[in-house]
Amino acid sequence: IAMIFQEPMTSLNPVFRIGVQIEEAIRVHR
């Protein structure tokens, strides 16, 4: 079950590159 939150600027970590953040979502579960 995944969720898209209302405001992406506050949902994304401002100090990490977007590739790292997406990769983290994969690493945790795969």
PDB file of all heavy atoms in Angstrom:
ATOM      1  N   ILE A   1       0.865  -1.179   0.000  1.00  0.00           N
ATOM      2  CA  ILE A   1       0.000   0.000   0.000  1.00  0.00           C
ATOM      3  C   ILE A   1       0.901   1.229   0.000  1.00  0.00           C
ATOM      4  O   ILE A   1       1.744   1.382   0.885  1.00  0.00           O
ATOM      5  CB  ILE A   1      -0.938   0.047   1.224  1.00  0.00           C
ATOM      6  CG1 ILE A   1      -1.808  -1.208   1.302  1.00  0.00           C
ATOM      7  CG2 ILE A   1      -1.831   1.286   1.162  1.00  0.00           C
ATOM      8  CD1 ILE A   1      -2.721  -1.255   2.518  1.00  0.00           C
ATOM      9  N   ALA A   2       0.753   2.087  -0.990  1.00  0.00           N
ATOM     10  CA  ALA A   2       1.592   3.284  -1.104  1.00  0.00           C
ATOM     11  C   ALA A   2       0.709   4.519  -1.033  1.00  0.00           C
ATOM     12  O   ALA A   2      -0.486   4.469  -1.321  1.00  0.00           O
ATOM     13  CB  ALA A   2       2.369   3.263  -2.410  1.00  0.00           C
ATOM     14  N   MET A   3       1.334   5.642  -0.665  1.00  0.00           N
ATOM     15  CA  MET A   3       0.571   6.874  -0.499  1.00  0.00           C
ATOM     16  C   MET A   3       1.296   8.039  -1.139  1.00  0.00           C
ATOM     17  O   MET A   3       2.512   8.181  -1.005  1.00  0.00           O
ATOM     18  CB  MET A   3       0.340   7.154   0.992  1.00  0.00           C
ATOM     19  CG  MET A   3      -0.610   8.301   1.272  1.00  0.00           C
ATOM     20  SD  MET A   3      -1.167   8.290   2.995  1.00  0.00           S
ATOM     21  CE  MET A   3      -2.263   9.711   3.008  1.00  0.00           C
ATOM     22  N   ILE A   4       0.529   8.862  -1.866  1.00  0.00           N
ATOM     23  CA  ILE A   4       1.028  10.131  -2.404  1.00  0.00           C
ATOM     24  C   ILE A   4       0.457  11.227  -1.520  1.00  0.00           C
ATOM     25  O   ILE A   4      -0.762  11.363  -1.399  1.00  0.00           O
ATOM     26  CB  ILE A   4       0.566  10.350  -3.858  1.00  0.00           C
ATOM     27  CG1 ILE A   4       0.947   9.161  -4.746  1.00  0.00           C
ATOM     28  CG2 ILE A   4       1.153  11.626  -4.417  1.00  0.00           C
ATOM     29  CD1 ILE A   4       0.304   9.213  -6.115  1.00  0.00           C
ATOM     30  N   PHE A   5       1.345  12.021  -0.924  1.00  0.00           N
ATOM     31  CA  PHE A   5       0.893  13.027   0.022  1.00  0.00           C
ATOM     32  C   PHE A   5       0.553  14.326  -0.690  1.00  0.00           C
ATOM     33  O   PHE A   5       0.900  14.543  -1.850  1.00  0.00           O
ATOM     34  CB  PHE A   5       1.942  13.240   1.108  1.00  0.00           C
ATOM     35  CG  PHE A   5       2.126  12.033   1.980  1.00  0.00           C
ATOM     36  CD1 PHE A   5       3.111  11.096   1.693  1.00  0.00           C
ATOM     37  CD2 PHE A   5       1.304  11.817   3.072  1.00  0.00           C
ATOM     38  CE1 PHE A   5       3.270   9.974   2.484  1.00  0.00           C
ATOM     39  CE2 PHE A   5       1.451  10.694   3.869  1.00  0.00           C
ATOM     40  CZ  PHE A   5       2.447   9.765   3.571  1.00  0.00           C
ATOM     41  N   GLN A   6      -0.092  15.211   0.059  1.00  0.00           N
ATOM     42  CA  GLN A   6      -0.704  16.402  -0.513  1.00  0.00           C
ATOM     43  C   GLN A   6       0.316  17.412  -1.038  1.00  0.00           C
ATOM     44  O   GLN A   6       0.113  18.012  -2.079  1.00  0.00           O
ATOM     45  CB  GLN A   6      -1.600  17.057   0.545  1.00  0.00           C
ATOM     46  CG  GLN A   6      -2.473  18.175   0.023  1.00  0.00           C
ATOM     47  CD  GLN A   6      -3.533  18.564   1.031  1.00  0.00           C
ATOM     48  OE1 GLN A   6      -3.708  17.920   2.050  1.00  0.00           O
ATOM     49  NE2 GLN A   6      -4.252  19.623   0.753  1.00  0.00           N
ATOM     50  N   GLU A   7       1.423  17.593  -0.335  1.00  0.00           N
ATOM     51  CA  GLU A   7       2.388  18.624  -0.711  1.00  0.00           C
ATOM     52  C   GLU A   7       3.762  17.991  -0.909  1.00  0.00           C
ATOM     53  O   GLU A   7       4.436  17.641   0.065  1.00  0.00           O
ATOM     54  CB  GLU A   7       2.435  19.710   0.369  1.00  0.00           C
ATOM     55  CG  GLU A   7       3.475  20.793   0.133  1.00  0.00           C
ATOM     56  CD  GLU A   7       3.504  21.315  -1.295  1.00  0.00           C
ATOM     57  OE1 GLU A   7       2.498  21.899  -1.733  1.00  0.00           O
ATOM     58  OE2 GLU A   7       4.526  21.116  -1.976  1.00  0.00           O
ATOM     59  N   PRO A   8       4.209  17.816  -2.164  1.00  0.00           N
ATOM     60  CA  PRO A   8       5.470  17.114  -2.410  1.00  0.00           C
ATOM     61  C   PRO A   8       6.696  17.827  -1.865  1.00  0.00           C
ATOM     62  O   PRO A   8       7.690  17.194  -1.542  1.00  0.00           O
ATOM     63  CB  PRO A   8       5.523  17.010  -3.937  1.00  0.00           C
ATOM     64  CG  PRO A   8       4.624  18.095  -4.441  1.00  0.00           C
ATOM     65  CD  PRO A   8       3.551  18.229  -3.408  1.00  0.00           C
ATOM     66  N   MET A   9       6.664  19.153  -1.753  1.00  0.00           N
ATOM     67  CA  MET A   9       7.842  19.864  -1.275  1.00  0.00           C
ATOM     68  C   MET A   9       8.133  19.538   0.186  1.00  0.00           C
ATOM     69  O   MET A   9       9.281  19.528   0.612  1.00  0.00           O
ATOM     70  CB  MET A   9       7.658  21.377  -1.453  1.00  0.00           C
ATOM     71  CG  MET A   9       8.965  22.153  -1.386  1.00  0.00           C
ATOM     72  SD  MET A   9      10.154  21.603  -2.628  1.00  0.00           S
ATOM     73  CE  MET A   9      11.647  22.409  -2.050  1.00  0.00           C
ATOM     74  N   THR A  10       7.094  19.265   0.983  1.00  0.00           N
ATOM     75  CA  THR A  10       7.311  18.900   2.377  1.00  0.00           C
ATOM     76  C   THR A  10       7.435  17.393   2.556  1.00  0.00           C
ATOM     77  O   THR A  10       7.876  16.931   3.608  1.00  0.00           O
ATOM     78  CB  THR A  10       6.154  19.416   3.260  1.00  0.00           C
ATOM     79  OG1 THR A  10       4.916  18.908   2.752  1.00  0.00           O
ATOM     80  CG2 THR A  10       6.096  20.930   3.246  1.00  0.00           C
ATOM     81  N   SER A  11       7.057  16.615   1.553  1.00  0.00           N
ATOM     82  CA  SER A  11       7.169  15.161   1.635  1.00  0.00           C
ATOM     83  C   SER A  11       8.545  14.671   1.206  1.00  0.00           C
ATOM     84  O   SER A  11       9.012  13.629   1.667  1.00  0.00           O
ATOM     85  CB  SER A  11       6.091  14.502   0.763  1.00  0.00           C
ATOM     86  OG  SER A  11       4.802  14.902   1.162  1.00  0.00           O
ATOM     87  N   LEU A  12       9.188  15.397   0.302  1.00  0.00           N
ATOM     88  CA  LEU A  12      10.530  15.041  -0.143  1.00  0.00           C
ATOM     89  C   LEU A  12      11.561  15.684   0.780  1.00  0.00           C
ATOM     90  O   LEU A  12      11.379  16.810   1.239  1.00  0.00           O
ATOM     91  CB  LEU A  12      10.756  15.512  -1.587  1.00  0.00           C
ATOM     92  CG  LEU A  12       9.925  14.811  -2.659  1.00  0.00           C
ATOM     93  CD1 LEU A  12      10.042  15.552  -3.994  1.00  0.00           C
ATOM     94  CD2 LEU A  12      10.344  13.361  -2.818  1.00  0.00           C
ATOM     95  N   ASN A  13      12.648  14.959   1.024  1.00  0.00           N
ATOM     96  CA  ASN A  13      13.725  15.485   1.861  1.00  0.00           C
ATOM     97  C   ASN A  13      14.559  16.472   1.046  1.00  0.00           C
ATOM     98  O   ASN A  13      15.107  16.100   0.010  1.00  0.00           O
ATOM     99  CB  ASN A  13      14.599  14.335   2.366  1.00  0.00           C
ATOM    100  CG  ASN A  13      15.536  14.769   3.474  1.00  0.00           C
ATOM    101  OD1 ASN A  13      16.125  15.846   3.420  1.00  0.00           O
ATOM    102  ND2 ASN A  13      15.660  13.933   4.484  1.00  0.00           N
ATOM    103  N   PRO A  14      14.671  17.725   1.478  1.00  0.00           N
ATOM    104  CA  PRO A  14      15.344  18.738   0.653  1.00  0.00           C
ATOM    105  C   PRO A  14      16.854  18.537   0.517  1.00  0.00           C
ATOM    106  O   PRO A  14      17.466  19.138  -0.360  1.00  0.00           O
ATOM    107  CB  PRO A  14      15.028  20.050   1.380  1.00  0.00           C
ATOM    108  CG  PRO A  14      14.776  19.657   2.796  1.00  0.00           C
ATOM    109  CD  PRO A  14      14.138  18.306   2.725  1.00  0.00           C
ATOM    110  N   VAL A  15      17.477  17.724   1.377  1.00  0.00           N
ATOM    111  CA  VAL A  15      18.937  17.602   1.353  1.00  0.00           C
ATOM    112  C   VAL A  15      19.424  16.343   0.631  1.00  0.00           C
ATOM    113  O   VAL A  15      20.632  16.091   0.576  1.00  0.00           O
ATOM    114  CB  VAL A  15      19.520  17.649   2.783  1.00  0.00           C
ATOM    115  CG1 VAL A  15      19.153  18.944   3.470  1.00  0.00           C
ATOM    116  CG2 VAL A  15      19.058  16.457   3.609  1.00  0.00           C
ATOM    117  N   PHE A  16      18.507  15.544   0.085  1.00  0.00           N
ATOM    118  CA  PHE A  16      18.888  14.352  -0.664  1.00  0.00           C
ATOM    119  C   PHE A  16      18.416  14.470  -2.112  1.00  0.00           C
ATOM    120  O   PHE A  16      17.331  14.995  -2.378  1.00  0.00           O
ATOM    121  CB  PHE A  16      18.291  13.087  -0.040  1.00  0.00           C
ATOM    122  CG  PHE A  16      18.930  12.685   1.250  1.00  0.00           C
ATOM    123  CD1 PHE A  16      18.327  12.987   2.465  1.00  0.00           C
ATOM    124  CD2 PHE A  16      20.143  12.010   1.259  1.00  0.00           C
ATOM    125  CE1 PHE A  16      18.911  12.631   3.656  1.00  0.00           C
ATOM    126  CE2 PHE A  16      20.742  11.637   2.451  1.00  0.00           C
ATOM    127  CZ  PHE A  16      20.136  11.950   3.648  1.00  0.00           C
ATOM    128  N   ARG A  17      19.225  13.969  -3.013  1.00  0.00           N
ATOM    129  CA  ARG A  17      18.856  13.960  -4.426  1.00  0.00           C
ATOM    130  C   ARG A  17      17.654  13.037  -4.622  1.00  0.00           C
ATOM    131  O   ARG A  17      17.472  12.067  -3.886  1.00  0.00           O
ATOM    132  CB  ARG A  17      20.038  13.495  -5.280  1.00  0.00           C
ATOM    133  CG  ARG A  17      21.282  14.348  -5.115  1.00  0.00           C
ATOM    134  CD  ARG A  17      22.417  13.826  -5.994  1.00  0.00           C
ATOM    135  NE  ARG A  17      23.693  14.431  -5.632  1.00  0.00           N
ATOM    136  CZ  ARG A  17      24.152  15.584  -6.110  1.00  0.00           C
ATOM    137  NH1 ARG A  17      23.411  16.271  -6.967  1.00  0.00           N
ATOM    138  NH2 ARG A  17      25.321  16.056  -5.727  1.00  0.00           N
ATOM    139  N   ILE A  18      16.846  13.335  -5.641  1.00  0.00           N
ATOM    140  CA  ILE A  18      15.610  12.568  -5.809  1.00  0.00           C
ATOM    141  C   ILE A  18      15.905  11.107  -6.150  1.00  0.00           C
ATOM    142  O   ILE A  18      15.165  10.203  -5.746  1.00  0.00           O
ATOM    143  CB  ILE A  18      14.685  13.210  -6.868  1.00  0.00           C
ATOM    144  CG1 ILE A  18      15.322  13.181  -8.254  1.00  0.00           C
ATOM    145  CG2 ILE A  18      14.298  14.616  -6.462  1.00  0.00           C
ATOM    146  CD1 ILE A  18      14.343  13.462  -9.358  1.00  0.00           C
ATOM    147  N   GLY A  19      16.989  10.855  -6.879  1.00  0.00           N
ATOM    148  CA  GLY A  19      17.346   9.476  -7.192  1.00  0.00           C
ATOM    149  C   GLY A  19      17.622   8.667  -5.944  1.00  0.00           C
ATOM    150  O   GLY A  19      17.216   7.500  -5.835  1.00  0.00           O
ATOM    151  N   VAL A  20      18.301   9.281  -4.976  1.00  0.00           N
ATOM    152  CA  VAL A  20      18.601   8.606  -3.711  1.00  0.00           C
ATOM    153  C   VAL A  20      17.313   8.300  -2.947  1.00  0.00           C
ATOM    154  O   VAL A  20      17.166   7.222  -2.351  1.00  0.00           O
ATOM    155  CB  VAL A  20      19.538   9.485  -2.854  1.00  0.00           C
ATOM    156  CG1 VAL A  20      19.697   8.903  -1.441  1.00  0.00           C
ATOM    157  CG2 VAL A  20      20.894   9.629  -3.529  1.00  0.00           C
ATOM    158  N   GLN A  21      16.362   9.238  -2.976  1.00  0.00           N
ATOM    159  CA  GLN A  21      15.114   9.045  -2.228  1.00  0.00           C
ATOM    160  C   GLN A  21      14.253   7.940  -2.833  1.00  0.00           C
ATOM    161  O   GLN A  21      13.651   7.142  -2.115  1.00  0.00           O
ATOM    162  CB  GLN A  21      14.349  10.364  -2.161  1.00  0.00           C
ATOM    163  CG  GLN A  21      15.115  11.440  -1.403  1.00  0.00           C
ATOM    164  CD  GLN A  21      14.304  12.691  -1.132  1.00  0.00           C
ATOM    165  OE1 GLN A  21      13.231  12.622  -0.531  1.00  0.00           O
ATOM    166  NE2 GLN A  21      14.802  13.841  -1.567  1.00  0.00           N
ATOM    167  N   ILE A  22      14.191   7.884  -4.160  1.00  0.00           N
ATOM    168  CA  ILE A  22      13.431   6.804  -4.798  1.00  0.00           C
ATOM    169  C   ILE A  22      14.129   5.468  -4.560  1.00  0.00           C
ATOM    170  O   ILE A  22      13.484   4.446  -4.286  1.00  0.00           O
ATOM    171  CB  ILE A  22      13.270   7.071  -6.306  1.00  0.00           C
ATOM    172  CG1 ILE A  22      12.494   8.378  -6.536  1.00  0.00           C
ATOM    173  CG2 ILE A  22      12.538   5.912  -6.981  1.00  0.00           C
ATOM    174  CD1 ILE A  22      12.438   8.803  -7.992  1.00  0.00           C
ATOM    175  N   GLU A  23      15.454   5.471  -4.650  1.00  0.00           N
ATOM    176  CA  GLU A  23      16.219   4.237  -4.432  1.00  0.00           C
ATOM    177  C   GLU A  23      16.018   3.704  -3.015  1.00  0.00           C
ATOM    178  O   GLU A  23      15.952   2.493  -2.794  1.00  0.00           O
ATOM    179  CB  GLU A  23      17.702   4.504  -4.684  1.00  0.00           C
ATOM    180  CG  GLU A  23      18.557   3.258  -4.642  1.00  0.00           C
ATOM    181  CD  GLU A  23      20.022   3.545  -4.924  1.00  0.00           C
ATOM    182  OE1 GLU A  23      20.335   4.585  -5.530  1.00  0.00           O
ATOM    183  OE2 GLU A  23      20.858   2.706  -4.522  1.00  0.00           O
ATOM    184  N   GLU A  24      15.903   4.621  -2.047  1.00  0.00           N
ATOM    185  CA  GLU A  24      15.678   4.199  -0.669  1.00  0.00           C
ATOM    186  C   GLU A  24      14.355   3.455  -0.522  1.00  0.00           C
ATOM    187  O   GLU A  24      14.265   2.461   0.203  1.00  0.00           O
ATOM    188  CB  GLU A  24      15.687   5.425   0.250  1.00  0.00           C
ATOM    189  CG  GLU A  24      15.382   5.146   1.721  1.00  0.00           C
ATOM    190  CD  GLU A  24      16.495   4.393   2.429  1.00  0.00           C
ATOM    191  OE1 GLU A  24      17.557   4.171   1.822  1.00  0.00           O
ATOM    192  OE2 GLU A  24      16.298   4.028   3.601  1.00  0.00           O
ATOM    193  N   ALA A  25      13.319   3.923  -1.227  1.00  0.00           N
ATOM    194  CA  ALA A  25      12.020   3.247  -1.180  1.00  0.00           C
ATOM    195  C   ALA A  25      12.125   1.820  -1.710  1.00  0.00           C
ATOM    196  O   ALA A  25      11.418   0.919  -1.252  1.00  0.00           O
ATOM    197  CB  ALA A  25      10.990   4.040  -1.984  1.00  0.00           C
ATOM    198  N   ILE A  26      13.012   1.602  -2.684  1.00  0.00           N
ATOM    199  CA  ILE A  26      13.223   0.259  -3.243  1.00  0.00           C
ATOM    200  C   ILE A  26      14.068  -0.584  -2.296  1.00  0.00           C
ATOM    201  O   ILE A  26      13.763  -1.760  -2.047  1.00  0.00           O
ATOM    202  CB  ILE A  26      13.901   0.365  -4.629  1.00  0.00           C
ATOM    203  CG1 ILE A  26      13.034   1.179  -5.586  1.00  0.00           C
ATOM    204  CG2 ILE A  26      14.182  -1.024  -5.194  1.00  0.00           C
ATOM    205  CD1 ILE A  26      13.752   1.589  -6.859  1.00  0.00           C
ATOM    206  N   ARG A  27      15.130   0.002  -1.748  1.00  0.00           N
ATOM    207  CA  ARG A  27      16.075  -0.740  -0.910  1.00  0.00           C
ATOM    208  C   ARG A  27      15.408  -1.318   0.325  1.00  0.00           C
ATOM    209  O   ARG A  27      15.724  -2.437   0.760  1.00  0.00           O
ATOM    210  CB  ARG A  27      17.223   0.192  -0.491  1.00  0.00           C
ATOM    211  CG  ARG A  27      18.359  -0.520   0.250  1.00  0.00           C
ATOM    212  CD  ARG A  27      19.349   0.480   0.810  1.00  0.00           C
ATOM    213  NE  ARG A  27      18.739   1.328   1.819  1.00  0.00           N
ATOM    214  CZ  ARG A  27      18.496   0.932   3.065  1.00  0.00           C
ATOM    215  NH1 ARG A  27      18.815  -0.295   3.455  1.00  0.00           N
ATOM    216  NH2 ARG A  27      17.937   1.754   3.925  1.00  0.00           N
ATOM    217  N   VAL A  28      14.465  -0.566   0.909  1.00  0.00           N
ATOM    218  CA  VAL A  28      13.815  -1.006   2.139  1.00  0.00           C
ATOM    219  C   VAL A  28      13.014  -2.284   1.929  1.00  0.00           C
ATOM    220  O   VAL A  28      12.930  -3.138   2.822  1.00  0.00           O
ATOM    221  CB  VAL A  28      12.905   0.121   2.681  1.00  0.00           C
ATOM    222  CG1 VAL A  28      11.995  -0.384   3.794  1.00  0.00           C
ATOM    223  CG2 VAL A  28      13.745   1.283   3.179  1.00  0.00           C
ATOM    224  N   HIS A  29      12.445  -2.455   0.743  1.00  0.00           N
ATOM    225  CA  HIS A  29      11.512  -3.563   0.524  1.00  0.00           C
ATOM    226  C   HIS A  29      12.001  -4.626  -0.464  1.00  0.00           C
ATOM    227  O   HIS A  29      11.370  -5.684  -0.572  1.00  0.00           O
ATOM    228  CB  HIS A  29      10.168  -3.014   0.023  1.00  0.00           C
ATOM    229  CG  HIS A  29       9.469  -2.140   1.015  1.00  0.00           C
ATOM    230  ND1 HIS A  29       8.880  -2.631   2.159  1.00  0.00           N
ATOM    231  CD2 HIS A  29       9.279  -0.789   1.046  1.00  0.00           C
ATOM    232  CE1 HIS A  29       8.341  -1.633   2.845  1.00  0.00           C
ATOM    233  NE2 HIS A  29       8.568  -0.514   2.190  1.00  0.00           N
ATOM    234  N   ARG A  30      13.078  -4.371  -1.177  1.00  0.00           N
ATOM    235  CA  ARG A  30      13.540  -5.342  -2.175  1.00  0.00           C
ATOM    236  C   ARG A  30      15.020  -5.658  -1.990  1.00  0.00           C
ATOM    237  O   ARG A  30      15.814  -4.772  -1.679  1.00  0.00           O
ATOM    238  CB  ARG A  30      13.310  -4.798  -3.592  1.00  0.00           C
ATOM    239  CG  ARG A  30      11.853  -4.711  -3.985  1.00  0.00           C
ATOM    240  CD  ARG A  30      11.721  -4.493  -5.477  1.00  0.00           C
ATOM    241  NE  ARG A  30      10.349  -4.457  -5.908  1.00  0.00           N
ATOM    242  CZ  ARG A  30       9.973  -4.420  -7.181  1.00  0.00           C
ATOM    243  NH1 ARG A  30      10.895  -4.399  -8.141  1.00  0.00           N
ATOM    244  NH2 ARG A  30       8.695  -4.408  -7.517  1.00  0.00           N
TER     245      ARG A  30
END
